[in-house]
N, C-alpha and C. Protein backbone atom coordinates (compact mmCIF):
# COMPACT_ATOMS: atom_id res chain seq x y z
N MET A 1 0.83 -1.16 0.00
CA MET A 1 0.00 0.00 0.00
C MET A 1 0.89 1.25 0.00
N ALA A 2 0.51 2.25 -0.81
CA ALA A 2 1.28 3.49 -0.95
C ALA A 2 0.99 4.43 0.22
N LYS A 3 2.05 5.13 0.63
CA LYS A 3 1.92 6.08 1.73
C LYS A 3 1.66 7.47 1.15
N VAL A 4 0.66 8.19 1.67
CA VAL A 4 0.31 9.54 1.20
C VAL A 4 0.91 10.55 2.17
N VAL A 5 1.66 11.53 1.63
CA VAL A 5 2.26 12.58 2.45
C VAL A 5 1.59 13.91 2.09
N TRP A 6 1.06 14.59 3.08
CA TRP A 6 0.38 15.87 2.88
C TRP A 6 1.37 17.03 3.03
N HIS A 7 1.47 17.86 2.00
CA HIS A 7 2.36 19.02 2.03
C HIS A 7 1.56 20.32 1.96
N GLY A 8 0.31 20.30 2.38
CA GLY A 8 -0.59 21.44 2.24
C GLY A 8 -0.10 22.72 2.89
N ALA A 9 0.36 22.67 4.11
CA ALA A 9 0.79 23.87 4.83
C ALA A 9 2.01 24.50 4.15
N ARG A 10 2.96 23.66 3.77
CA ARG A 10 4.17 24.16 3.10
C ARG A 10 3.83 24.76 1.74
N GLU A 11 2.97 24.09 0.97
CA GLU A 11 2.57 24.59 -0.34
C GLU A 11 1.76 25.88 -0.22
N SER A 12 0.94 25.96 0.81
CA SER A 12 0.15 27.17 1.04
C SER A 12 1.06 28.36 1.32
N LYS A 13 2.09 28.17 2.13
CA LYS A 13 3.05 29.24 2.41
C LYS A 13 3.83 29.63 1.16
N ARG A 14 4.20 28.65 0.35
CA ARG A 14 4.92 28.93 -0.89
C ARG A 14 4.05 29.72 -1.85
N TYR A 15 2.78 29.33 -1.93
CA TYR A 15 1.82 30.02 -2.79
C TYR A 15 1.62 31.47 -2.34
N GLU A 16 1.47 31.70 -1.03
CA GLU A 16 1.28 33.05 -0.51
C GLU A 16 2.51 33.91 -0.76
N ALA A 17 3.70 33.35 -0.61
CA ALA A 17 4.93 34.11 -0.87
C ALA A 17 5.02 34.49 -2.35
N LEU A 18 4.63 33.57 -3.21
CA LEU A 18 4.63 33.85 -4.65
C LEU A 18 3.62 34.94 -5.00
N MET A 19 2.42 34.86 -4.41
CA MET A 19 1.40 35.89 -4.63
C MET A 19 1.86 37.25 -4.12
N GLU A 20 2.50 37.26 -2.98
CA GLU A 20 3.01 38.52 -2.40
C GLU A 20 4.01 39.18 -3.34
N THR A 21 4.90 38.40 -3.90
CA THR A 21 5.88 38.92 -4.85
C THR A 21 5.21 39.46 -6.10
N LYS A 22 4.25 38.71 -6.62
CA LYS A 22 3.56 39.14 -7.85
C LYS A 22 2.74 40.40 -7.62
N LEU A 23 2.09 40.53 -6.47
CA LEU A 23 1.34 41.74 -6.17
C LEU A 23 2.26 42.96 -6.06
N THR A 24 3.42 42.78 -5.49
CA THR A 24 4.39 43.87 -5.40
C THR A 24 4.86 44.28 -6.79
N VAL A 25 5.12 43.32 -7.64
CA VAL A 25 5.52 43.61 -9.02
C VAL A 25 4.43 44.38 -9.75
N LEU A 26 3.18 43.94 -9.60
CA LEU A 26 2.06 44.62 -10.25
C LEU A 26 1.89 46.05 -9.74
N ALA A 27 2.02 46.26 -8.44
CA ALA A 27 1.89 47.61 -7.88
C ALA A 27 3.00 48.51 -8.40
N ALA A 28 4.23 48.01 -8.47
CA ALA A 28 5.34 48.79 -9.00
C ALA A 28 5.14 49.12 -10.48
N GLU A 29 4.61 48.16 -11.24
CA GLU A 29 4.33 48.41 -12.66
C GLU A 29 3.25 49.47 -12.82
N MET A 30 2.25 49.44 -11.96
CA MET A 30 1.17 50.43 -12.05
C MET A 30 1.69 51.83 -11.72
N VAL A 31 2.52 51.94 -10.70
CA VAL A 31 3.13 53.24 -10.37
C VAL A 31 3.95 53.75 -11.54
N ALA A 32 4.75 52.89 -12.15
CA ALA A 32 5.56 53.29 -13.31
C ALA A 32 4.67 53.73 -14.47
N ASP A 33 3.56 53.03 -14.69
CA ASP A 33 2.64 53.38 -15.77
C ASP A 33 1.99 54.75 -15.52
N ILE A 34 1.60 55.01 -14.28
CA ILE A 34 1.01 56.31 -13.93
C ILE A 34 2.01 57.43 -14.19
N LYS A 35 3.23 57.25 -13.73
CA LYS A 35 4.25 58.30 -13.90
C LYS A 35 4.56 58.52 -15.37
N GLN A 36 4.60 57.45 -16.16
CA GLN A 36 4.84 57.59 -17.59
C GLN A 36 3.70 58.35 -18.26
N SER A 37 2.46 58.05 -17.88
CA SER A 37 1.32 58.74 -18.50
C SER A 37 1.33 60.23 -18.17
N MET A 38 1.82 60.60 -16.99
CA MET A 38 1.91 62.01 -16.63
C MET A 38 3.01 62.73 -17.40
N ARG A 39 4.05 61.99 -17.80
CA ARG A 39 5.18 62.60 -18.52
C ARG A 39 4.92 62.74 -20.03
N GLU A 40 3.93 62.03 -20.55
CA GLU A 40 3.67 62.07 -21.99
C GLU A 40 3.22 63.46 -22.42
N PRO A 41 3.46 63.81 -23.70
CA PRO A 41 3.03 65.12 -24.20
C PRO A 41 1.52 65.30 -24.06
N LYS A 42 1.11 66.52 -23.78
CA LYS A 42 -0.30 66.84 -23.57
C LYS A 42 -0.82 67.70 -24.71
N SER A 43 -2.15 67.76 -24.84
CA SER A 43 -2.76 68.52 -25.92
C SER A 43 -3.45 69.78 -25.42
N GLY A 44 -3.23 70.14 -24.16
CA GLY A 44 -3.86 71.33 -23.59
C GLY A 44 -3.15 72.60 -24.04
N ILE A 45 -3.36 73.68 -23.31
CA ILE A 45 -2.79 74.98 -23.68
C ILE A 45 -1.38 75.14 -23.11
N ASP A 46 -0.57 75.96 -23.80
CA ASP A 46 0.76 76.29 -23.32
C ASP A 46 0.67 77.44 -22.32
N VAL A 47 1.40 77.31 -21.21
CA VAL A 47 1.41 78.34 -20.18
C VAL A 47 2.86 78.74 -19.92
N PRO A 48 3.21 80.02 -20.17
CA PRO A 48 4.57 80.46 -19.87
C PRO A 48 4.79 80.45 -18.36
N ARG A 49 5.95 80.04 -17.94
CA ARG A 49 6.29 80.00 -16.52
C ARG A 49 7.69 80.58 -16.31
N THR A 50 7.90 81.13 -15.14
CA THR A 50 9.22 81.62 -14.78
C THR A 50 10.03 80.47 -14.22
N LYS A 51 11.28 80.69 -13.95
CA LYS A 51 12.13 79.63 -13.41
C LYS A 51 11.65 79.15 -12.05
N SER A 52 10.97 80.01 -11.32
CA SER A 52 10.47 79.62 -9.99
C SER A 52 9.25 78.72 -10.09
N GLY A 53 8.69 78.56 -11.31
CA GLY A 53 7.52 77.72 -11.49
C GLY A 53 6.23 78.50 -11.46
N ARG A 54 6.32 79.80 -11.18
CA ARG A 54 5.11 80.61 -11.16
C ARG A 54 4.68 80.94 -12.57
N LYS A 55 3.39 81.17 -12.74
CA LYS A 55 2.86 81.54 -14.04
C LYS A 55 3.43 82.90 -14.44
N ALA A 56 3.98 83.00 -15.64
CA ALA A 56 4.56 84.25 -16.08
C ALA A 56 3.48 85.16 -16.67
N SER A 57 3.58 86.44 -16.37
CA SER A 57 2.68 87.44 -16.93
C SER A 57 3.35 88.79 -16.76
N LYS A 58 2.65 89.84 -17.07
CA LYS A 58 3.21 91.17 -16.92
C LYS A 58 2.92 91.68 -15.52
N MET A 59 3.58 91.10 -14.55
CA MET A 59 3.41 91.53 -13.17
C MET A 59 4.72 91.34 -12.44
N THR A 60 4.85 92.01 -11.32
CA THR A 60 6.05 91.88 -10.52
C THR A 60 5.87 90.70 -9.57
N VAL A 61 6.85 89.83 -9.55
CA VAL A 61 6.81 88.67 -8.68
C VAL A 61 7.79 88.92 -7.55
N SER A 62 7.35 88.75 -6.32
CA SER A 62 8.21 88.95 -5.16
C SER A 62 8.20 87.69 -4.32
N PHE A 63 9.36 87.34 -3.81
CA PHE A 63 9.47 86.21 -2.90
C PHE A 63 10.75 86.36 -2.10
N ILE A 64 10.92 85.54 -1.09
CA ILE A 64 12.11 85.60 -0.25
C ILE A 64 13.01 84.43 -0.62
N SER A 65 14.27 84.75 -0.95
CA SER A 65 15.24 83.73 -1.30
C SER A 65 16.48 83.92 -0.46
N ARG A 66 16.84 82.92 0.30
CA ARG A 66 18.01 82.96 1.18
C ARG A 66 17.99 84.17 2.10
N GLY A 67 16.79 84.47 2.62
CA GLY A 67 16.66 85.55 3.59
C GLY A 67 16.55 86.94 2.98
N LYS A 68 16.61 87.07 1.66
CA LYS A 68 16.53 88.37 1.01
C LYS A 68 15.27 88.44 0.16
N ALA A 69 14.63 89.61 0.14
CA ALA A 69 13.46 89.80 -0.71
C ALA A 69 13.94 89.96 -2.15
N VAL A 70 13.33 89.22 -3.04
CA VAL A 70 13.69 89.26 -4.45
C VAL A 70 12.45 89.65 -5.25
N SER A 71 12.59 90.64 -6.13
CA SER A 71 11.50 91.03 -7.01
C SER A 71 12.00 91.05 -8.44
N PHE A 72 11.19 90.61 -9.35
CA PHE A 72 11.56 90.70 -10.76
C PHE A 72 10.29 90.79 -11.60
N LYS A 73 10.44 91.30 -12.78
CA LYS A 73 9.32 91.42 -13.70
C LYS A 73 9.18 90.08 -14.41
N ALA A 74 8.09 89.40 -14.18
CA ALA A 74 7.86 88.11 -14.83
C ALA A 74 7.49 88.35 -16.28
N SER A 75 8.04 87.56 -17.15
CA SER A 75 7.74 87.70 -18.57
C SER A 75 7.63 86.32 -19.20
N THR A 76 7.38 86.27 -20.47
CA THR A 76 7.27 84.99 -21.16
C THR A 76 8.63 84.42 -21.52
N ARG A 77 9.70 85.04 -21.03
CA ARG A 77 11.04 84.51 -21.32
C ARG A 77 11.37 83.29 -20.46
N GLY A 78 10.51 82.96 -19.53
CA GLY A 78 10.70 81.75 -18.74
C GLY A 78 10.38 80.52 -19.59
N TRP A 79 10.39 79.35 -18.99
CA TRP A 79 10.07 78.14 -19.74
C TRP A 79 8.56 78.00 -19.89
N VAL A 80 8.16 77.20 -20.84
CA VAL A 80 6.74 77.02 -21.15
C VAL A 80 6.34 75.60 -20.79
N THR A 81 5.22 75.48 -20.13
CA THR A 81 4.69 74.16 -19.80
C THR A 81 3.35 74.00 -20.51
N ARG A 82 3.04 72.81 -20.92
CA ARG A 82 1.76 72.55 -21.57
C ARG A 82 0.85 71.85 -20.59
N ARG A 83 -0.29 72.44 -20.33
CA ARG A 83 -1.26 71.83 -19.43
C ARG A 83 -1.96 70.68 -20.14
N SER A 84 -2.49 69.78 -19.34
CA SER A 84 -3.25 68.68 -19.93
C SER A 84 -4.67 69.13 -20.21
N ALA A 85 -5.26 68.54 -21.22
CA ALA A 85 -6.66 68.81 -21.53
C ALA A 85 -7.52 67.94 -20.60
N PRO A 86 -8.75 68.36 -20.32
CA PRO A 86 -9.62 67.50 -19.51
C PRO A 86 -9.75 66.11 -20.13
N GLY A 87 -9.65 65.10 -19.29
CA GLY A 87 -9.71 63.71 -19.75
C GLY A 87 -8.33 63.08 -19.91
N GLU A 88 -7.28 63.90 -20.01
CA GLU A 88 -5.90 63.39 -20.09
C GLU A 88 -5.32 63.31 -18.68
N PRO A 89 -4.30 62.47 -18.48
CA PRO A 89 -3.62 62.49 -17.18
C PRO A 89 -3.00 63.87 -16.96
N PRO A 90 -2.86 64.30 -15.71
CA PRO A 90 -2.32 65.64 -15.46
C PRO A 90 -0.90 65.79 -15.97
N ALA A 91 -0.59 67.00 -16.43
CA ALA A 91 0.76 67.31 -16.88
C ALA A 91 1.65 67.55 -15.67
N VAL A 92 2.93 67.27 -15.80
CA VAL A 92 3.88 67.53 -14.72
C VAL A 92 4.27 69.00 -14.80
N GLN A 93 3.98 69.75 -13.74
CA GLN A 93 4.36 71.15 -13.70
C GLN A 93 5.37 71.40 -12.59
N ARG A 94 5.12 70.90 -11.42
CA ARG A 94 6.06 71.07 -10.31
C ARG A 94 6.53 69.75 -9.74
N ALA A 95 6.07 68.66 -10.28
CA ALA A 95 6.49 67.30 -9.92
C ALA A 95 6.06 66.87 -8.52
N ARG A 96 5.16 67.60 -7.89
CA ARG A 96 4.72 67.20 -6.55
C ARG A 96 3.83 65.96 -6.62
N LEU A 97 2.87 65.95 -7.54
CA LEU A 97 1.97 64.80 -7.65
C LEU A 97 2.72 63.57 -8.15
N ILE A 98 3.47 63.71 -9.21
CA ILE A 98 4.18 62.56 -9.79
C ILE A 98 5.19 61.99 -8.79
N GLY A 99 5.78 62.84 -7.99
CA GLY A 99 6.74 62.38 -6.99
C GLY A 99 6.09 61.67 -5.81
N SER A 100 4.80 61.92 -5.60
CA SER A 100 4.12 61.33 -4.46
C SER A 100 3.38 60.04 -4.80
N VAL A 101 3.28 59.69 -6.07
CA VAL A 101 2.58 58.46 -6.46
C VAL A 101 3.42 57.26 -6.06
N THR A 102 2.85 56.40 -5.26
CA THR A 102 3.57 55.23 -4.77
C THR A 102 2.57 54.15 -4.39
N TYR A 103 3.09 53.05 -3.87
CA TYR A 103 2.20 51.99 -3.36
C TYR A 103 2.64 51.63 -1.96
N ASP A 104 1.72 51.10 -1.19
CA ASP A 104 2.06 50.58 0.12
C ASP A 104 1.45 49.20 0.30
N LYS A 105 1.77 48.58 1.40
CA LYS A 105 1.41 47.20 1.66
C LYS A 105 0.63 47.14 2.98
N PRO A 106 -0.71 47.33 2.94
CA PRO A 106 -1.48 47.31 4.19
C PRO A 106 -1.56 45.92 4.82
N SER A 107 -1.46 44.88 4.02
CA SER A 107 -1.43 43.52 4.56
C SER A 107 -0.62 42.66 3.58
N ARG A 108 -0.42 41.43 3.94
CA ARG A 108 0.46 40.57 3.15
C ARG A 108 0.01 40.39 1.71
N LEU A 109 -1.29 40.27 1.48
CA LEU A 109 -1.79 40.03 0.13
C LEU A 109 -2.62 41.20 -0.41
N ARG A 110 -2.29 42.43 0.00
CA ARG A 110 -2.94 43.64 -0.52
C ARG A 110 -1.90 44.70 -0.83
N ARG A 111 -2.15 45.45 -1.91
CA ARG A 111 -1.31 46.60 -2.26
C ARG A 111 -2.24 47.76 -2.58
N ARG A 112 -1.87 48.96 -2.13
CA ARG A 112 -2.63 50.18 -2.44
C ARG A 112 -1.73 51.10 -3.25
N VAL A 113 -2.26 51.61 -4.36
CA VAL A 113 -1.52 52.55 -5.20
C VAL A 113 -2.25 53.88 -5.11
N GLY A 114 -1.49 54.96 -4.93
CA GLY A 114 -2.12 56.27 -4.84
C GLY A 114 -1.14 57.34 -4.44
N THR A 115 -1.68 58.42 -3.88
CA THR A 115 -0.89 59.57 -3.47
C THR A 115 -1.45 60.13 -2.18
N ASN A 116 -0.64 60.87 -1.47
CA ASN A 116 -1.11 61.57 -0.28
C ASN A 116 -1.32 63.05 -0.56
N VAL A 117 -1.16 63.47 -1.81
CA VAL A 117 -1.37 64.85 -2.20
C VAL A 117 -2.86 65.06 -2.41
N LYS A 118 -3.43 66.04 -1.70
CA LYS A 118 -4.88 66.24 -1.70
C LYS A 118 -5.42 66.53 -3.10
N TYR A 119 -4.72 67.32 -3.90
CA TYR A 119 -5.28 67.68 -5.20
C TYR A 119 -5.21 66.53 -6.21
N GLY A 120 -4.56 65.44 -5.88
CA GLY A 120 -4.58 64.25 -6.73
C GLY A 120 -6.00 63.73 -6.88
N LEU A 121 -6.77 63.78 -5.80
CA LEU A 121 -8.17 63.37 -5.82
C LEU A 121 -8.99 64.33 -6.68
N TYR A 122 -8.71 65.64 -6.57
CA TYR A 122 -9.43 66.64 -7.38
C TYR A 122 -9.15 66.43 -8.86
N LEU A 123 -7.91 66.11 -9.20
CA LEU A 123 -7.58 65.88 -10.60
C LEU A 123 -8.21 64.58 -11.12
N GLU A 124 -8.27 63.57 -10.28
CA GLU A 124 -8.84 62.28 -10.70
C GLU A 124 -10.33 62.40 -11.02
N TYR A 125 -11.08 63.08 -10.17
CA TYR A 125 -12.54 63.14 -10.32
C TYR A 125 -13.08 64.51 -10.73
N GLY A 126 -12.24 65.55 -10.70
CA GLY A 126 -12.72 66.90 -10.97
C GLY A 126 -13.26 67.51 -9.69
N LYS A 127 -13.36 68.84 -9.68
CA LYS A 127 -13.86 69.52 -8.49
C LYS A 127 -14.48 70.84 -8.91
N GLU A 128 -15.58 71.15 -8.29
CA GLU A 128 -16.27 72.40 -8.62
C GLU A 128 -15.43 73.62 -8.23
N GLU A 129 -14.96 73.65 -7.01
CA GLU A 129 -14.18 74.80 -6.56
C GLU A 129 -12.85 74.33 -6.03
N PHE A 130 -11.79 74.75 -6.67
CA PHE A 130 -10.44 74.45 -6.21
C PHE A 130 -9.58 75.65 -6.59
N THR A 131 -9.08 76.32 -5.61
CA THR A 131 -8.33 77.55 -5.81
C THR A 131 -9.08 78.55 -6.68
N GLY A 132 -10.39 78.64 -6.46
CA GLY A 132 -11.19 79.64 -7.14
C GLY A 132 -11.58 79.34 -8.57
N MET A 133 -11.36 78.13 -9.06
CA MET A 133 -11.76 77.81 -10.43
C MET A 133 -12.34 76.41 -10.52
N HIS A 134 -13.05 76.18 -11.59
CA HIS A 134 -13.65 74.87 -11.85
C HIS A 134 -12.57 73.96 -12.44
N VAL A 135 -12.37 72.79 -11.85
CA VAL A 135 -11.37 71.85 -12.34
C VAL A 135 -12.08 70.65 -12.95
N LEU A 136 -11.87 70.42 -14.23
CA LEU A 136 -12.44 69.25 -14.88
C LEU A 136 -11.54 68.05 -14.62
N ALA A 137 -12.11 66.87 -14.62
CA ALA A 137 -11.37 65.65 -14.29
C ALA A 137 -10.23 65.40 -15.28
N ARG A 138 -9.08 65.05 -14.72
CA ARG A 138 -7.92 64.62 -15.48
C ARG A 138 -7.46 63.30 -14.85
N PRO A 139 -8.23 62.22 -15.13
CA PRO A 139 -7.99 60.95 -14.43
C PRO A 139 -6.61 60.38 -14.73
N TRP A 140 -5.97 59.86 -13.70
CA TRP A 140 -4.64 59.28 -13.84
C TRP A 140 -4.55 57.90 -13.19
N LEU A 141 -5.37 57.64 -12.17
CA LEU A 141 -5.30 56.36 -11.47
C LEU A 141 -6.18 55.29 -12.12
N ARG A 142 -7.42 55.62 -12.40
CA ARG A 142 -8.35 54.64 -13.00
C ARG A 142 -7.90 54.17 -14.38
N PRO A 143 -7.43 55.06 -15.27
CA PRO A 143 -6.95 54.58 -16.57
C PRO A 143 -5.74 53.64 -16.44
N ALA A 144 -4.87 53.92 -15.46
CA ALA A 144 -3.72 53.04 -15.24
C ALA A 144 -4.18 51.66 -14.79
N LEU A 145 -5.20 51.62 -13.96
CA LEU A 145 -5.75 50.33 -13.52
C LEU A 145 -6.33 49.56 -14.70
N GLU A 146 -7.02 50.25 -15.58
CA GLU A 146 -7.57 49.60 -16.77
C GLU A 146 -6.46 49.08 -17.69
N ARG A 147 -5.37 49.85 -17.81
CA ARG A 147 -4.26 49.41 -18.67
C ARG A 147 -3.53 48.21 -18.10
N ILE A 148 -3.48 48.10 -16.78
CA ILE A 148 -2.72 47.00 -16.16
C ILE A 148 -3.59 45.77 -15.91
N ARG A 149 -4.89 45.89 -16.06
CA ARG A 149 -5.81 44.77 -15.79
C ARG A 149 -5.42 43.49 -16.56
N PRO A 150 -5.09 43.54 -17.88
CA PRO A 150 -4.68 42.30 -18.57
C PRO A 150 -3.40 41.70 -17.97
N ARG A 151 -2.50 42.55 -17.52
CA ARG A 151 -1.26 42.06 -16.91
C ARG A 151 -1.55 41.35 -15.58
N VAL A 152 -2.53 41.84 -14.84
CA VAL A 152 -2.93 41.20 -13.58
C VAL A 152 -3.43 39.79 -13.87
N ALA A 153 -4.33 39.68 -14.85
CA ALA A 153 -4.87 38.36 -15.20
C ALA A 153 -3.76 37.43 -15.67
N GLN A 154 -2.81 37.96 -16.45
CA GLN A 154 -1.70 37.14 -16.95
C GLN A 154 -0.82 36.64 -15.83
N LEU A 155 -0.42 37.52 -14.91
CA LEU A 155 0.47 37.12 -13.82
C LEU A 155 -0.22 36.16 -12.85
N LEU A 156 -1.47 36.46 -12.52
CA LEU A 156 -2.15 35.63 -11.52
C LEU A 156 -2.59 34.27 -12.08
N SER A 157 -2.69 34.16 -13.39
CA SER A 157 -3.07 32.87 -13.97
C SER A 157 -1.88 31.90 -13.98
N ARG A 158 -0.67 32.44 -13.85
CA ARG A 158 0.52 31.58 -13.87
C ARG A 158 1.06 31.32 -12.46
N VAL A 159 0.23 31.40 -11.47
CA VAL A 159 0.67 31.15 -10.09
C VAL A 159 0.81 29.64 -9.90
N GLY A 160 1.93 29.28 -9.27
CA GLY A 160 2.07 27.86 -8.96
C GLY A 160 3.17 27.19 -9.63
């Protein structure tokens, strides 16, 4: 008579470790996809900016730099940034949002992708009033999830 050996507990731990690794890979890929979509060229309007990142116009800009008050006439001689059109992922202007996009691990088999920057939510869904103007949605998280969905199915189907 043949002897049956049960390896269920060991195989279960191996399977969970494999799933944990694959979930981390998927979360990292999604973060990379989001950042790439934000860096792509946009079809919105061009906005002249000064080196400080402020919108350039015919006005005097004042700020404190290294303890000294600095004033200069802002003009269109600064660099130009192109804003994203509604429906496109947000354009990178000051890199605060793109720098904050990351993932965390709330439990062994869960990953959360997102940002802690408050206006990331406003850009994702739009907002009626934000800094005195109407902001139309410029989704960046949901489209990335849709783009990575086939990769999720592919990776998780090859578990084991």
